[in-house]
Amino acid sequence: MKSLNQTIFTWGSKDLYHEGDVRNKYISALIEADKNNYKPLIEFVRK
């Protein structure tokens, strides 16, 4: 991503393994991506 001058993916900068707010947001973003709405997932991975 650096070579393309894009923001590096941080994947929420938190633990996605254990249940919690960050994991719930990630799962919600995945559900939206399944509906062809990728904006929430892109926003999440760049937080």
N, C-alpha and C. Protein backbone atom coordinates (compact mmCIF):
# COMPACT_ATOMS: atom_id res chain seq x y z
N MET A 1 0.82 -1.18 0.00
CA MET A 1 0.00 0.00 0.00
C MET A 1 0.87 1.26 0.00
N LYS A 2 2.00 1.20 0.67
CA LYS A 2 2.87 2.37 0.70
C LYS A 2 3.33 2.76 -0.69
N SER A 3 3.64 1.76 -1.50
CA SER A 3 4.12 2.07 -2.86
C SER A 3 3.04 2.72 -3.71
N LEU A 4 1.78 2.54 -3.32
CA LEU A 4 0.66 3.15 -4.04
C LEU A 4 0.18 4.43 -3.38
N ASN A 5 0.92 4.88 -2.35
CA ASN A 5 0.57 6.07 -1.58
C ASN A 5 -0.84 5.98 -0.98
N GLN A 6 -1.19 4.80 -0.47
CA GLN A 6 -2.48 4.56 0.16
C GLN A 6 -2.29 4.35 1.65
N THR A 7 -3.34 4.56 2.40
CA THR A 7 -3.31 4.33 3.84
C THR A 7 -3.12 2.84 4.12
N ILE A 8 -2.24 2.52 5.05
CA ILE A 8 -1.99 1.13 5.42
C ILE A 8 -3.18 0.60 6.21
N PHE A 9 -3.57 -0.64 5.94
CA PHE A 9 -4.67 -1.26 6.68
C PHE A 9 -4.23 -1.54 8.11
N THR A 10 -5.05 -1.14 9.06
CA THR A 10 -4.75 -1.38 10.47
C THR A 10 -5.69 -2.42 11.07
N TRP A 11 -6.75 -2.77 10.33
CA TRP A 11 -7.74 -3.75 10.80
C TRP A 11 -8.28 -3.40 12.17
N GLY A 12 -8.57 -2.13 12.37
CA GLY A 12 -9.17 -1.69 13.63
C GLY A 12 -8.18 -1.50 14.76
N SER A 13 -6.94 -1.87 14.56
CA SER A 13 -5.87 -1.73 15.55
C SER A 13 -6.18 -2.40 16.88
N LYS A 14 -7.04 -3.36 16.87
CA LYS A 14 -7.44 -4.04 18.11
C LYS A 14 -7.56 -5.53 17.89
N ASP A 15 -7.91 -6.23 18.94
CA ASP A 15 -8.10 -7.68 18.94
C ASP A 15 -9.41 -8.05 18.26
N LEU A 16 -9.33 -8.81 17.19
CA LEU A 16 -10.53 -9.27 16.50
C LEU A 16 -10.94 -10.67 16.92
N TYR A 17 -10.11 -11.31 17.72
CA TYR A 17 -10.36 -12.69 18.13
C TYR A 17 -11.40 -12.77 19.24
N HIS A 18 -11.28 -11.91 20.24
CA HIS A 18 -12.19 -11.95 21.38
C HIS A 18 -13.41 -11.07 21.12
N GLU A 19 -14.54 -11.47 21.69
CA GLU A 19 -15.77 -10.70 21.53
C GLU A 19 -15.61 -9.30 22.11
N GLY A 20 -16.21 -8.36 21.46
CA GLY A 20 -16.16 -6.98 21.92
C GLY A 20 -16.64 -6.04 20.83
N ASP A 21 -16.57 -4.75 21.13
CA ASP A 21 -17.07 -3.73 20.22
C ASP A 21 -16.34 -3.74 18.88
N VAL A 22 -15.03 -3.86 18.90
CA VAL A 22 -14.26 -3.83 17.65
C VAL A 22 -14.61 -5.03 16.78
N ARG A 23 -14.69 -6.19 17.38
CA ARG A 23 -15.04 -7.39 16.61
C ARG A 23 -16.46 -7.28 16.04
N ASN A 24 -17.38 -6.75 16.83
CA ASN A 24 -18.75 -6.58 16.35
C ASN A 24 -18.81 -5.62 15.15
N LYS A 25 -18.02 -4.55 15.20
CA LYS A 25 -17.97 -3.61 14.08
C LYS A 25 -17.38 -4.30 12.85
N TYR A 26 -16.37 -5.12 13.05
CA TYR A 26 -15.76 -5.85 11.94
C TYR A 26 -16.77 -6.81 11.29
N ILE A 27 -17.48 -7.55 12.11
CA ILE A 27 -18.47 -8.49 11.59
C ILE A 27 -19.59 -7.75 10.87
N SER A 28 -20.02 -6.63 11.41
CA SER A 28 -21.05 -5.82 10.75
C SER A 28 -20.55 -5.34 9.39
N ALA A 29 -19.29 -4.94 9.33
CA ALA A 29 -18.71 -4.48 8.07
C ALA A 29 -18.64 -5.62 7.07
N LEU A 30 -18.34 -6.83 7.53
CA LEU A 30 -18.30 -8.00 6.64
C LEU A 30 -19.69 -8.31 6.10
N ILE A 31 -20.69 -8.20 6.94
CA ILE A 31 -22.07 -8.45 6.52
C ILE A 31 -22.48 -7.45 5.44
N GLU A 32 -22.10 -6.19 5.63
CA GLU A 32 -22.39 -5.18 4.62
C GLU A 32 -21.64 -5.47 3.32
N ALA A 33 -20.40 -5.93 3.43
CA ALA A 33 -19.63 -6.28 2.23
C ALA A 33 -20.30 -7.41 1.46
N ASP A 34 -20.90 -8.34 2.18
CA ASP A 34 -21.65 -9.42 1.52
C ASP A 34 -22.82 -8.89 0.71
N LYS A 35 -23.28 -7.68 1.06
CA LYS A 35 -24.39 -7.04 0.34
C LYS A 35 -23.85 -6.06 -0.71
N ASN A 36 -22.56 -6.17 -1.01
CA ASN A 36 -21.87 -5.30 -1.98
C ASN A 36 -21.72 -3.86 -1.51
N ASN A 37 -21.78 -3.64 -0.20
CA ASN A 37 -21.52 -2.32 0.37
C ASN A 37 -20.17 -2.41 1.09
N TYR A 38 -19.12 -2.00 0.42
CA TYR A 38 -17.77 -2.17 0.94
C TYR A 38 -17.27 -0.98 1.76
N LYS A 39 -18.01 0.11 1.76
CA LYS A 39 -17.57 1.31 2.46
C LYS A 39 -17.30 1.06 3.96
N PRO A 40 -18.19 0.41 4.71
CA PRO A 40 -17.90 0.18 6.13
C PRO A 40 -16.64 -0.67 6.35
N LEU A 41 -16.39 -1.64 5.49
CA LEU A 41 -15.20 -2.48 5.64
C LEU A 41 -13.94 -1.67 5.33
N ILE A 42 -13.98 -0.88 4.30
CA ILE A 42 -12.82 -0.05 3.96
C ILE A 42 -12.52 0.93 5.08
N GLU A 43 -13.56 1.53 5.63
CA GLU A 43 -13.37 2.45 6.75
C GLU A 43 -12.80 1.72 7.96
N PHE A 44 -13.27 0.52 8.22
CA PHE A 44 -12.79 -0.24 9.37
C PHE A 44 -11.31 -0.58 9.24
N VAL A 45 -10.91 -1.08 8.09
CA VAL A 45 -9.52 -1.54 7.94
C VAL A 45 -8.53 -0.39 7.97
N ARG A 46 -9.01 0.82 7.80
CA ARG A 46 -8.11 1.98 7.81
C ARG A 46 -8.17 2.76 9.11
N LYS A 47 -8.86 2.26 10.11
CA LYS A 47 -8.93 2.93 11.42
C LYS A 47 -7.69 2.65 12.21
